Amino acid sequence: PVEDFGPDLQKIIDDMYETMYDSHGAG
């Protein structure tokens, strides 16, 4: 489970979106 919603998590989320779009994925 995620417990910390700080800036490190926000960067991970942004990087995951960028990776998903670059790979033409839906999730």
mmCIF file of all heavy atoms, coordinates in Angstrom:
data_MODEL
# 
_entry.id   MODEL 
# 
loop_
_atom_site.group_PDB 
_atom_site.id 
_atom_site.type_symbol 
_atom_site.label_atom_id 
_atom_site.label_alt_id 
_atom_site.label_comp_id 
_atom_site.label_asym_id 
_atom_site.label_entity_id 
_atom_site.label_seq_id 
_atom_site.pdbx_PDB_ins_code 
_atom_site.Cartn_x 
_atom_site.Cartn_y 
_atom_site.Cartn_z 
_atom_site.occupancy 
_atom_site.B_iso_or_equiv 
_atom_site.pdbx_formal_charge 
_atom_site.auth_seq_id 
_atom_site.auth_comp_id 
_atom_site.auth_asym_id 
_atom_site.auth_atom_id 
_atom_site.pdbx_PDB_model_num 
ATOM 1   N N   . PRO A 1 1  ? 0.810  -1.219 0.000   1.00 0.00 ? 1  PRO A N   1 
ATOM 2   C CA  . PRO A 1 1  ? 0.000  0.000  0.000   1.00 0.00 ? 1  PRO A CA  1 
ATOM 3   C C   . PRO A 1 1  ? 0.845  1.273  0.000   1.00 0.00 ? 1  PRO A C   1 
ATOM 4   O O   . PRO A 1 1  ? 1.932  1.329  0.570   1.00 0.00 ? 1  PRO A O   1 
ATOM 5   C CB  . PRO A 1 1  ? -0.801 -0.099 1.303   1.00 0.00 ? 1  PRO A CB  1 
ATOM 6   C CG  . PRO A 1 1  ? -0.797 -1.545 1.652   1.00 0.00 ? 1  PRO A CG  1 
ATOM 7   C CD  . PRO A 1 1  ? 0.510  -2.086 1.141   1.00 0.00 ? 1  PRO A CD  1 
ATOM 8   N N   . VAL A 1 2  ? 0.312  2.294  -0.646  1.00 0.00 ? 2  VAL A N   1 
ATOM 9   C CA  . VAL A 1 2  ? 0.919  3.631  -0.645  1.00 0.00 ? 2  VAL A CA  1 
ATOM 10  C C   . VAL A 1 2  ? 0.525  4.308  0.660   1.00 0.00 ? 2  VAL A C   1 
ATOM 11  O O   . VAL A 1 2  ? -0.648 4.279  1.051   1.00 0.00 ? 2  VAL A O   1 
ATOM 12  C CB  . VAL A 1 2  ? 0.416  4.461  -1.854  1.00 0.00 ? 2  VAL A CB  1 
ATOM 13  C CG1 . VAL A 1 2  ? 0.888  5.901  -1.749  1.00 0.00 ? 2  VAL A CG1 1 
ATOM 14  C CG2 . VAL A 1 2  ? 0.876  3.824  -3.155  1.00 0.00 ? 2  VAL A CG2 1 
ATOM 15  N N   . GLU A 1 3  ? 1.511  4.907  1.309   1.00 0.00 ? 3  GLU A N   1 
ATOM 16  C CA  . GLU A 1 3  ? 1.242  5.620  2.556   1.00 0.00 ? 3  GLU A CA  1 
ATOM 17  C C   . GLU A 1 3  ? 1.650  7.083  2.485   1.00 0.00 ? 3  GLU A C   1 
ATOM 18  O O   . GLU A 1 3  ? 1.106  7.920  3.199   1.00 0.00 ? 3  GLU A O   1 
ATOM 19  C CB  . GLU A 1 3  ? 1.957  4.924  3.715   1.00 0.00 ? 3  GLU A CB  1 
ATOM 20  C CG  . GLU A 1 3  ? 1.421  3.521  3.970   1.00 0.00 ? 3  GLU A CG  1 
ATOM 21  C CD  . GLU A 1 3  ? 2.189  2.752  5.016   1.00 0.00 ? 3  GLU A CD  1 
ATOM 22  O OE1 . GLU A 1 3  ? 3.163  3.292  5.603   1.00 0.00 ? 3  GLU A OE1 1 
ATOM 23  O OE2 . GLU A 1 3  ? 1.826  1.581  5.252   1.00 0.00 ? 3  GLU A OE2 1 
ATOM 24  N N   . ASP A 1 4  ? 2.610  7.408  1.617   1.00 0.00 ? 4  ASP A N   1 
ATOM 25  C CA  . ASP A 1 4  ? 3.137  8.768  1.518   1.00 0.00 ? 4  ASP A CA  1 
ATOM 26  C C   . ASP A 1 4  ? 2.706  9.377  0.184   1.00 0.00 ? 4  ASP A C   1 
ATOM 27  O O   . ASP A 1 4  ? 3.036  8.852  -0.880  1.00 0.00 ? 4  ASP A O   1 
ATOM 28  C CB  . ASP A 1 4  ? 4.665  8.728  1.620   1.00 0.00 ? 4  ASP A CB  1 
ATOM 29  C CG  . ASP A 1 4  ? 5.313  10.096 1.578   1.00 0.00 ? 4  ASP A CG  1 
ATOM 30  O OD1 . ASP A 1 4  ? 4.599  11.121 1.440   1.00 0.00 ? 4  ASP A OD1 1 
ATOM 31  O OD2 . ASP A 1 4  ? 6.554  10.157 1.660   1.00 0.00 ? 4  ASP A OD2 1 
ATOM 32  N N   . PHE A 1 5  ? 1.989  10.485 0.238   1.00 0.00 ? 5  PHE A N   1 
ATOM 33  C CA  . PHE A 1 5  ? 1.469  11.138 -0.969  1.00 0.00 ? 5  PHE A CA  1 
ATOM 34  C C   . PHE A 1 5  ? 2.260  12.398 -1.309  1.00 0.00 ? 5  PHE A C   1 
ATOM 35  O O   . PHE A 1 5  ? 1.748  13.304 -1.945  1.00 0.00 ? 5  PHE A O   1 
ATOM 36  C CB  . PHE A 1 5  ? -0.019 11.469 -0.778  1.00 0.00 ? 5  PHE A CB  1 
ATOM 37  C CG  . PHE A 1 5  ? -0.882 10.239 -0.789  1.00 0.00 ? 5  PHE A CG  1 
ATOM 38  C CD1 . PHE A 1 5  ? -1.024 9.461  0.352   1.00 0.00 ? 5  PHE A CD1 1 
ATOM 39  C CD2 . PHE A 1 5  ? -1.511 9.838  -1.948  1.00 0.00 ? 5  PHE A CD2 1 
ATOM 40  C CE1 . PHE A 1 5  ? -1.789 8.304  0.341   1.00 0.00 ? 5  PHE A CE1 1 
ATOM 41  C CE2 . PHE A 1 5  ? -2.282 8.686  -1.970  1.00 0.00 ? 5  PHE A CE2 1 
ATOM 42  C CZ  . PHE A 1 5  ? -2.429 7.922  -0.822  1.00 0.00 ? 5  PHE A CZ  1 
ATOM 43  N N   . GLY A 1 6  ? 3.516  12.424 -0.914  1.00 0.00 ? 6  GLY A N   1 
ATOM 44  C CA  . GLY A 1 6  ? 4.364  13.594 -1.116  1.00 0.00 ? 6  GLY A CA  1 
ATOM 45  C C   . GLY A 1 6  ? 4.873  13.747 -2.541  1.00 0.00 ? 6  GLY A C   1 
ATOM 46  O O   . GLY A 1 6  ? 4.421  13.071 -3.477  1.00 0.00 ? 6  GLY A O   1 
ATOM 47  N N   . PRO A 1 7  ? 5.851  14.631 -2.718  1.00 0.00 ? 7  PRO A N   1 
ATOM 48  C CA  . PRO A 1 7  ? 6.366  14.959 -4.054  1.00 0.00 ? 7  PRO A CA  1 
ATOM 49  C C   . PRO A 1 7  ? 7.003  13.773 -4.783  1.00 0.00 ? 7  PRO A C   1 
ATOM 50  O O   . PRO A 1 7  ? 6.929  13.706 -6.015  1.00 0.00 ? 7  PRO A O   1 
ATOM 51  C CB  . PRO A 1 7  ? 7.387  16.068 -3.811  1.00 0.00 ? 7  PRO A CB  1 
ATOM 52  C CG  . PRO A 1 7  ? 7.510  16.228 -2.346  1.00 0.00 ? 7  PRO A CG  1 
ATOM 53  C CD  . PRO A 1 7  ? 6.435  15.448 -1.676  1.00 0.00 ? 7  PRO A CD  1 
ATOM 54  N N   . ASP A 1 8  ? 7.595  12.827 -4.057  1.00 0.00 ? 8  ASP A N   1 
ATOM 55  C CA  . ASP A 1 8  ? 8.182  11.658 -4.722  1.00 0.00 ? 8  ASP A CA  1 
ATOM 56  C C   . ASP A 1 8  ? 7.100  10.848 -5.430  1.00 0.00 ? 8  ASP A C   1 
ATOM 57  O O   . ASP A 1 8  ? 7.280  10.401 -6.563  1.00 0.00 ? 8  ASP A O   1 
ATOM 58  C CB  . ASP A 1 8  ? 8.937  10.769 -3.732  1.00 0.00 ? 8  ASP A CB  1 
ATOM 59  C CG  . ASP A 1 8  ? 10.222 11.416 -3.219  1.00 0.00 ? 8  ASP A CG  1 
ATOM 60  O OD1 . ASP A 1 8  ? 10.703 12.393 -3.848  1.00 0.00 ? 8  ASP A OD1 1 
ATOM 61  O OD2 . ASP A 1 8  ? 10.740 10.945 -2.190  1.00 0.00 ? 8  ASP A OD2 1 
ATOM 62  N N   . LEU A 1 9  ? 5.956  10.665 -4.761  1.00 0.00 ? 9  LEU A N   1 
ATOM 63  C CA  . LEU A 1 9  ? 4.855  9.925  -5.374  1.00 0.00 ? 9  LEU A CA  1 
ATOM 64  C C   . LEU A 1 9  ? 4.311  10.684 -6.583  1.00 0.00 ? 9  LEU A C   1 
ATOM 65  O O   . LEU A 1 9  ? 4.025  10.081 -7.618  1.00 0.00 ? 9  LEU A O   1 
ATOM 66  C CB  . LEU A 1 9  ? 3.728  9.680  -4.367  1.00 0.00 ? 9  LEU A CB  1 
ATOM 67  C CG  . LEU A 1 9  ? 2.541  8.900  -4.938  1.00 0.00 ? 9  LEU A CG  1 
ATOM 68  C CD1 . LEU A 1 9  ? 2.946  7.450  -5.228  1.00 0.00 ? 9  LEU A CD1 1 
ATOM 69  C CD2 . LEU A 1 9  ? 1.352  8.944  -3.991  1.00 0.00 ? 9  LEU A CD2 1 
ATOM 70  N N   . GLN A 1 10 ? 4.196  11.998 -6.469  1.00 0.00 ? 10 GLN A N   1 
ATOM 71  C CA  . GLN A 1 10 ? 3.672  12.793 -7.586  1.00 0.00 ? 10 GLN A CA  1 
ATOM 72  C C   . GLN A 1 10 ? 4.575  12.664 -8.818  1.00 0.00 ? 10 GLN A C   1 
ATOM 73  O O   . GLN A 1 10 ? 4.091  12.571 -9.951  1.00 0.00 ? 10 GLN A O   1 
ATOM 74  C CB  . GLN A 1 10 ? 3.505  14.260 -7.175  1.00 0.00 ? 10 GLN A CB  1 
ATOM 75  C CG  . GLN A 1 10 ? 2.570  14.469 -5.990  1.00 0.00 ? 10 GLN A CG  1 
ATOM 76  C CD  . GLN A 1 10 ? 1.213  13.797 -6.153  1.00 0.00 ? 10 GLN A CD  1 
ATOM 77  O OE1 . GLN A 1 10 ? 0.565  13.938 -7.185  1.00 0.00 ? 10 GLN A OE1 1 
ATOM 78  N NE2 . GLN A 1 10 ? 0.776  13.067 -5.137  1.00 0.00 ? 10 GLN A NE2 1 
ATOM 79  N N   . LYS A 1 11 ? 5.880  12.620 -8.607  1.00 0.00 ? 11 LYS A N   1 
ATOM 80  C CA  . LYS A 1 11 ? 6.811  12.450 -9.724  1.00 0.00 ? 11 LYS A CA  1 
ATOM 81  C C   . LYS A 1 11 ? 6.646  11.061 -10.352 1.00 0.00 ? 11 LYS A C   1 
ATOM 82  O O   . LYS A 1 11 ? 6.647  10.917 -11.573 1.00 0.00 ? 11 LYS A O   1 
ATOM 83  C CB  . LYS A 1 11 ? 8.250  12.663 -9.282  1.00 0.00 ? 11 LYS A CB  1 
ATOM 84  C CG  . LYS A 1 11 ? 9.236  12.487 -10.440 1.00 0.00 ? 11 LYS A CG  1 
ATOM 85  C CD  . LYS A 1 11 ? 10.639 12.834 -10.076 1.00 0.00 ? 11 LYS A CD  1 
ATOM 86  C CE  . LYS A 1 11 ? 11.636 12.665 -11.197 1.00 0.00 ? 11 LYS A CE  1 
ATOM 87  N NZ  . LYS A 1 11 ? 11.222 12.064 -12.435 1.00 0.00 ? 11 LYS A NZ  1 
ATOM 88  N N   . ILE A 1 12 ? 6.511  10.044 -9.505  1.00 0.00 ? 12 ILE A N   1 
ATOM 89  C CA  . ILE A 1 12 ? 6.302  8.682  -10.019 1.00 0.00 ? 12 ILE A CA  1 
ATOM 90  C C   . ILE A 1 12 ? 5.045  8.647  -10.888 1.00 0.00 ? 12 ILE A C   1 
ATOM 91  O O   . ILE A 1 12 ? 5.050  8.085  -11.987 1.00 0.00 ? 12 ILE A O   1 
ATOM 92  C CB  . ILE A 1 12 ? 6.195  7.665  -8.861  1.00 0.00 ? 12 ILE A CB  1 
ATOM 93  C CG1 . ILE A 1 12 ? 7.556  7.474  -8.188  1.00 0.00 ? 12 ILE A CG1 1 
ATOM 94  C CG2 . ILE A 1 12 ? 5.647  6.325  -9.361  1.00 0.00 ? 12 ILE A CG2 1 
ATOM 95  C CD1 . ILE A 1 12 ? 7.497  6.699  -6.871  1.00 0.00 ? 12 ILE A CD1 1 
ATOM 96  N N   . ILE A 1 13 ? 3.961  9.242  -10.408 1.00 0.00 ? 13 ILE A N   1 
ATOM 97  C CA  . ILE A 1 13 ? 2.704  9.250  -11.162 1.00 0.00 ? 13 ILE A CA  1 
ATOM 98  C C   . ILE A 1 13 ? 2.893  9.945  -12.503 1.00 0.00 ? 13 ILE A C   1 
ATOM 99  O O   . ILE A 1 13 ? 2.480  9.428  -13.550 1.00 0.00 ? 13 ILE A O   1 
ATOM 100 C CB  . ILE A 1 13 ? 1.575  9.902  -10.335 1.00 0.00 ? 13 ILE A CB  1 
ATOM 101 C CG1 . ILE A 1 13 ? 1.233  9.021  -9.128  1.00 0.00 ? 13 ILE A CG1 1 
ATOM 102 C CG2 . ILE A 1 13 ? 0.342  10.167 -11.206 1.00 0.00 ? 13 ILE A CG2 1 
ATOM 103 C CD1 . ILE A 1 13 ? 0.351  9.699  -8.087  1.00 0.00 ? 13 ILE A CD1 1 
ATOM 104 N N   . ASP A 1 14 ? 3.522  11.117 -12.511 1.00 0.00 ? 14 ASP A N   1 
ATOM 105 C CA  . ASP A 1 14 ? 3.760  11.843 -13.767 1.00 0.00 ? 14 ASP A CA  1 
ATOM 106 C C   . ASP A 1 14 ? 4.614  11.020 -14.721 1.00 0.00 ? 14 ASP A C   1 
ATOM 107 O O   . ASP A 1 14 ? 4.337  10.955 -15.927 1.00 0.00 ? 14 ASP A O   1 
ATOM 108 C CB  . ASP A 1 14 ? 4.430  13.191 -13.492 1.00 0.00 ? 14 ASP A CB  1 
ATOM 109 C CG  . ASP A 1 14 ? 3.498  14.180 -12.794 1.00 0.00 ? 14 ASP A CG  1 
ATOM 110 O OD1 . ASP A 1 14 ? 2.255  14.004 -12.867 1.00 0.00 ? 14 ASP A OD1 1 
ATOM 111 O OD2 . ASP A 1 14 ? 4.014  15.133 -12.168 1.00 0.00 ? 14 ASP A OD2 1 
ATOM 112 N N   . ASP A 1 15 ? 5.660  10.383 -14.192 1.00 0.00 ? 15 ASP A N   1 
ATOM 113 C CA  . ASP A 1 15 ? 6.531  9.544  -15.030 1.00 0.00 ? 15 ASP A CA  1 
ATOM 114 C C   . ASP A 1 15 ? 5.768  8.336  -15.577 1.00 0.00 ? 15 ASP A C   1 
ATOM 115 O O   . ASP A 1 15 ? 5.988  7.918  -16.719 1.00 0.00 ? 15 ASP A O   1 
ATOM 116 C CB  . ASP A 1 15 ? 7.756  9.069  -14.240 1.00 0.00 ? 15 ASP A CB  1 
ATOM 117 C CG  . ASP A 1 15 ? 8.729  10.195 -13.912 1.00 0.00 ? 15 ASP A CG  1 
ATOM 118 O OD1 . ASP A 1 15 ? 8.597  11.302 -14.490 1.00 0.00 ? 15 ASP A OD1 1 
ATOM 119 O OD2 . ASP A 1 15 ? 9.624  9.976  -13.077 1.00 0.00 ? 15 ASP A OD2 1 
ATOM 120 N N   . MET A 1 16 ? 4.871  7.780  -14.771 1.00 0.00 ? 16 MET A N   1 
ATOM 121 C CA  . MET A 1 16 ? 4.083  6.640  -15.245 1.00 0.00 ? 16 MET A CA  1 
ATOM 122 C C   . MET A 1 16 ? 3.146  7.052  -16.380 1.00 0.00 ? 16 MET A C   1 
ATOM 123 O O   . MET A 1 16 ? 3.019  6.334  -17.370 1.00 0.00 ? 16 MET A O   1 
ATOM 124 C CB  . MET A 1 16 ? 3.298  6.013  -14.091 1.00 0.00 ? 16 MET A CB  1 
ATOM 125 C CG  . MET A 1 16 ? 4.174  5.194  -13.148 1.00 0.00 ? 16 MET A CG  1 
ATOM 126 S SD  . MET A 1 16 ? 3.269  4.509  -11.738 1.00 0.00 ? 16 MET A SD  1 
ATOM 127 C CE  . MET A 1 16 ? 2.079  3.451  -12.565 1.00 0.00 ? 16 MET A CE  1 
ATOM 128 N N   . TYR A 1 17 ? 2.501  8.212  -16.253 1.00 0.00 ? 17 TYR A N   1 
ATOM 129 C CA  . TYR A 1 17 ? 1.655  8.688  -17.355 1.00 0.00 ? 17 TYR A CA  1 
ATOM 130 C C   . TYR A 1 17 ? 2.486  8.885  -18.626 1.00 0.00 ? 17 TYR A C   1 
ATOM 131 O O   . TYR A 1 17 ? 2.090  8.461  -19.705 1.00 0.00 ? 17 TYR A O   1 
ATOM 132 C CB  . TYR A 1 17 ? 0.951  9.999  -16.997 1.00 0.00 ? 17 TYR A CB  1 
ATOM 133 C CG  . TYR A 1 17 ? -0.351 9.820  -16.256 1.00 0.00 ? 17 TYR A CG  1 
ATOM 134 C CD1 . TYR A 1 17 ? -0.516 10.342 -14.980 1.00 0.00 ? 17 TYR A CD1 1 
ATOM 135 C CD2 . TYR A 1 17 ? -1.424 9.147  -16.831 1.00 0.00 ? 17 TYR A CD2 1 
ATOM 136 C CE1 . TYR A 1 17 ? -1.710 10.197 -14.296 1.00 0.00 ? 17 TYR A CE1 1 
ATOM 137 C CE2 . TYR A 1 17 ? -2.623 8.990  -16.155 1.00 0.00 ? 17 TYR A CE2 1 
ATOM 138 C CZ  . TYR A 1 17 ? -2.761 9.517  -14.892 1.00 0.00 ? 17 TYR A CZ  1 
ATOM 139 O OH  . TYR A 1 17 ? -3.944 9.361  -14.219 1.00 0.00 ? 17 TYR A OH  1 
ATOM 140 N N   . GLU A 1 18 ? 3.635  9.529  -18.473 1.00 0.00 ? 18 GLU A N   1 
ATOM 141 C CA  . GLU A 1 18 ? 4.486  9.762  -19.646 1.00 0.00 ? 18 GLU A CA  1 
ATOM 142 C C   . GLU A 1 18 ? 4.903  8.439  -20.293 1.00 0.00 ? 18 GLU A C   1 
ATOM 143 O O   . GLU A 1 18 ? 4.868  8.288  -21.518 1.00 0.00 ? 18 GLU A O   1 
ATOM 144 C CB  . GLU A 1 18 ? 5.727  10.572 -19.260 1.00 0.00 ? 18 GLU A CB  1 
ATOM 145 C CG  . GLU A 1 18 ? 6.592  10.902 -20.457 1.00 0.00 ? 18 GLU A CG  1 
ATOM 146 C CD  . GLU A 1 18 ? 7.769  11.804 -20.135 1.00 0.00 ? 18 GLU A CD  1 
ATOM 147 O OE1 . GLU A 1 18 ? 7.959  12.187 -18.959 1.00 0.00 ? 18 GLU A OE1 1 
ATOM 148 O OE2 . GLU A 1 18 ? 8.519  12.124 -21.078 1.00 0.00 ? 18 GLU A OE2 1 
ATOM 149 N N   . THR A 1 19 ? 5.269  7.468  -19.483 1.00 0.00 ? 19 THR A N   1 
ATOM 150 C CA  . THR A 1 19 ? 5.675  6.148  -19.987 1.00 0.00 ? 19 THR A CA  1 
ATOM 151 C C   . THR A 1 19 ? 4.508  5.445  -20.671 1.00 0.00 ? 19 THR A C   1 
ATOM 152 O O   . THR A 1 19 ? 4.659  4.870  -21.757 1.00 0.00 ? 19 THR A O   1 
ATOM 153 C CB  . THR A 1 19 ? 6.222  5.289  -18.827 1.00 0.00 ? 19 THR A CB  1 
ATOM 154 O OG1 . THR A 1 19 ? 7.320  5.984  -18.217 1.00 0.00 ? 19 THR A OG1 1 
ATOM 155 C CG2 . THR A 1 19 ? 6.677  3.928  -19.309 1.00 0.00 ? 19 THR A CG2 1 
ATOM 156 N N   . MET A 1 20 ? 3.330  5.511  -20.060 1.00 0.00 ? 20 MET A N   1 
ATOM 157 C CA  . MET A 1 20 ? 2.146  4.874  -20.633 1.00 0.00 ? 20 MET A CA  1 
ATOM 158 C C   . MET A 1 20 ? 1.814  5.474  -22.003 1.00 0.00 ? 20 MET A C   1 
ATOM 159 O O   . MET A 1 20 ? 1.597  4.744  -22.975 1.00 0.00 ? 20 MET A O   1 
ATOM 160 C CB  . MET A 1 20 ? 0.948  5.033  -19.689 1.00 0.00 ? 20 MET A CB  1 
ATOM 161 C CG  . MET A 1 20 ? -0.344 4.423  -20.214 1.00 0.00 ? 20 MET A CG  1 
ATOM 162 S SD  . MET A 1 20 ? -1.774 4.831  -19.185 1.00 0.00 ? 20 MET A SD  1 
ATOM 163 C CE  . MET A 1 20 ? -2.011 6.569  -19.593 1.00 0.00 ? 20 MET A CE  1 
ATOM 164 N N   . TYR A 1 21 ? 1.791  6.803  -22.104 1.00 0.00 ? 21 TYR A N   1 
ATOM 165 C CA  . TYR A 1 21 ? 1.472  7.449  -23.377 1.00 0.00 ? 21 TYR A CA  1 
ATOM 166 C C   . TYR A 1 21 ? 2.544  7.164  -24.428 1.00 0.00 ? 21 TYR A C   1 
ATOM 167 O O   . TYR A 1 21 ? 2.232  6.891  -25.584 1.00 0.00 ? 21 TYR A O   1 
ATOM 168 C CB  . TYR A 1 21 ? 1.301  8.956  -23.203 1.00 0.00 ? 21 TYR A CB  1 
ATOM 169 C CG  . TYR A 1 21 ? 0.046  9.352  -22.455 1.00 0.00 ? 21 TYR A CG  1 
ATOM 170 C CD1 . TYR A 1 21 ? 0.108  10.186 -21.352 1.00 0.00 ? 21 TYR A CD1 1 
ATOM 171 C CD2 . TYR A 1 21 ? -1.204 8.890  -22.854 1.00 0.00 ? 21 TYR A CD2 1 
ATOM 172 C CE1 . TYR A 1 21 ? -1.035 10.550 -20.661 1.00 0.00 ? 21 TYR A CE1 1 
ATOM 173 C CE2 . TYR A 1 21 ? -2.360 9.252  -22.177 1.00 0.00 ? 21 TYR A CE2 1 
ATOM 174 C CZ  . TYR A 1 21 ? -2.266 10.084 -21.075 1.00 0.00 ? 21 TYR A CZ  1 
ATOM 175 O OH  . TYR A 1 21 ? -3.409 10.440 -20.401 1.00 0.00 ? 21 TYR A OH  1 
ATOM 176 N N   . ASP A 1 22 ? 3.808  7.193  -24.023 1.00 0.00 ? 22 ASP A N   1 
ATOM 177 C CA  . ASP A 1 22 ? 4.900  6.927  -24.963 1.00 0.00 ? 22 ASP A CA  1 
ATOM 178 C C   . ASP A 1 22 ? 4.821  5.512  -25.517 1.00 0.00 ? 22 ASP A C   1 
ATOM 179 O O   . ASP A 1 22 ? 5.186  5.262  -26.662 1.00 0.00 ? 22 ASP A O   1 
ATOM 180 C CB  . ASP A 1 22 ? 6.252  7.147  -24.264 1.00 0.00 ? 22 ASP A CB  1 
ATOM 181 C CG  . ASP A 1 22 ? 7.418  7.001  -25.221 1.00 0.00 ? 22 ASP A CG  1 
ATOM 182 O OD1 . ASP A 1 22 ? 7.595  7.886  -26.080 1.00 0.00 ? 22 ASP A OD1 1 
ATOM 183 O OD2 . ASP A 1 22 ? 8.130  5.975  -25.117 1.00 0.00 ? 22 ASP A OD2 1 
ATOM 184 N N   . SER A 1 23 ? 4.297  4.588  -24.712 1.00 0.00 ? 23 SER A N   1 
ATOM 185 C CA  . SER A 1 23 ? 4.194  3.183  -25.108 1.00 0.00 ? 23 SER A CA  1 
ATOM 186 C C   . SER A 1 23 ? 2.844  2.847  -25.750 1.00 0.00 ? 23 SER A C   1 
ATOM 187 O O   . SER A 1 23 ? 2.581  1.695  -26.077 1.00 0.00 ? 23 SER A O   1 
ATOM 188 C CB  . SER A 1 23 ? 4.404  2.280  -23.887 1.00 0.00 ? 23 SER A CB  1 
ATOM 189 O OG  . SER A 1 23 ? 5.653  2.539  -23.304 1.00 0.00 ? 23 SER A OG  1 
ATOM 190 N N   . HIS A 1 24 ? 1.989  3.850  -25.879 1.00 0.00 ? 24 HIS A N   1 
ATOM 191 C CA  . HIS A 1 24 ? 0.657  3.685  -26.488 1.00 0.00 ? 24 HIS A CA  1 
ATOM 192 C C   . HIS A 1 24 ? -0.213 2.704  -25.703 1.00 0.00 ? 24 HIS A C   1 
ATOM 193 O O   . HIS A 1 24 ? -0.947 1.914  -26.283 1.00 0.00 ? 24 HIS A O   1 
ATOM 194 C CB  . HIS A 1 24 ? 0.758  3.277  -27.959 1.00 0.00 ? 24 HIS A CB  1 
ATOM 195 C CG  . HIS A 1 24 ? 1.629  4.177  -28.760 1.00 0.00 ? 24 HIS A CG  1 
ATOM 196 N ND1 . HIS A 1 24 ? 1.260  5.462  -29.101 1.00 0.00 ? 24 HIS A ND1 1 
ATOM 197 C CD2 . HIS A 1 24 ? 2.882  4.007  -29.232 1.00 0.00 ? 24 HIS A CD2 1 
ATOM 198 C CE1 . HIS A 1 24 ? 2.238  6.040  -29.771 1.00 0.00 ? 24 HIS A CE1 1 
ATOM 199 N NE2 . HIS A 1 24 ? 3.242  5.187  -29.859 1.00 0.00 ? 24 HIS A NE2 1 
ATOM 200 N N   . GLY A 1 25 ? -0.118 2.785  -24.380 1.00 0.00 ? 25 GLY A N   1 
ATOM 201 C CA  . GLY A 1 25 ? -0.921 1.922  -23.521 1.00 0.00 ? 25 GLY A CA  1 
ATOM 202 C C   . GLY A 1 25 ? -2.154 2.639  -23.004 1.00 0.00 ? 25 GLY A C   1 
ATOM 203 O O   . GLY A 1 25 ? -2.242 3.872  -23.060 1.00 0.00 ? 25 GLY A O   1 
ATOM 204 N N   . ALA A 1 26 ? -3.093 1.872  -22.486 1.00 0.00 ? 26 ALA A N   1 
ATOM 205 C CA  . ALA A 1 26 ? -4.310 2.430  -21.882 1.00 0.00 ? 26 ALA A CA  1 
ATOM 206 C C   . ALA A 1 26 ? -4.193 2.468  -20.363 1.00 0.00 ? 26 ALA A C   1 
ATOM 207 O O   . ALA A 1 26 ? -4.964 3.143  -19.691 1.00 0.00 ? 26 ALA A O   1 
ATOM 208 C CB  . ALA A 1 26 ? -5.518 1.590  -22.279 1.00 0.00 ? 26 ALA A CB  1 
ATOM 209 N N   . GLY A 1 27 ? -3.239 1.728  -19.824 1.00 0.00 ? 27 GLY A N   1 
ATOM 210 C CA  . GLY A 1 27 ? -3.033 1.688  -18.387 1.00 0.00 ? 27 GLY A CA  1 
ATOM 211 C C   . GLY A 1 27 ? -1.628 1.200  -18.068 1.00 0.00 ? 27 GLY A C   1 
ATOM 212 O O   . GLY A 1 27 ? -0.980 0.565  -18.906 1.00 0.00 ? 27 GLY A O   1 
# 
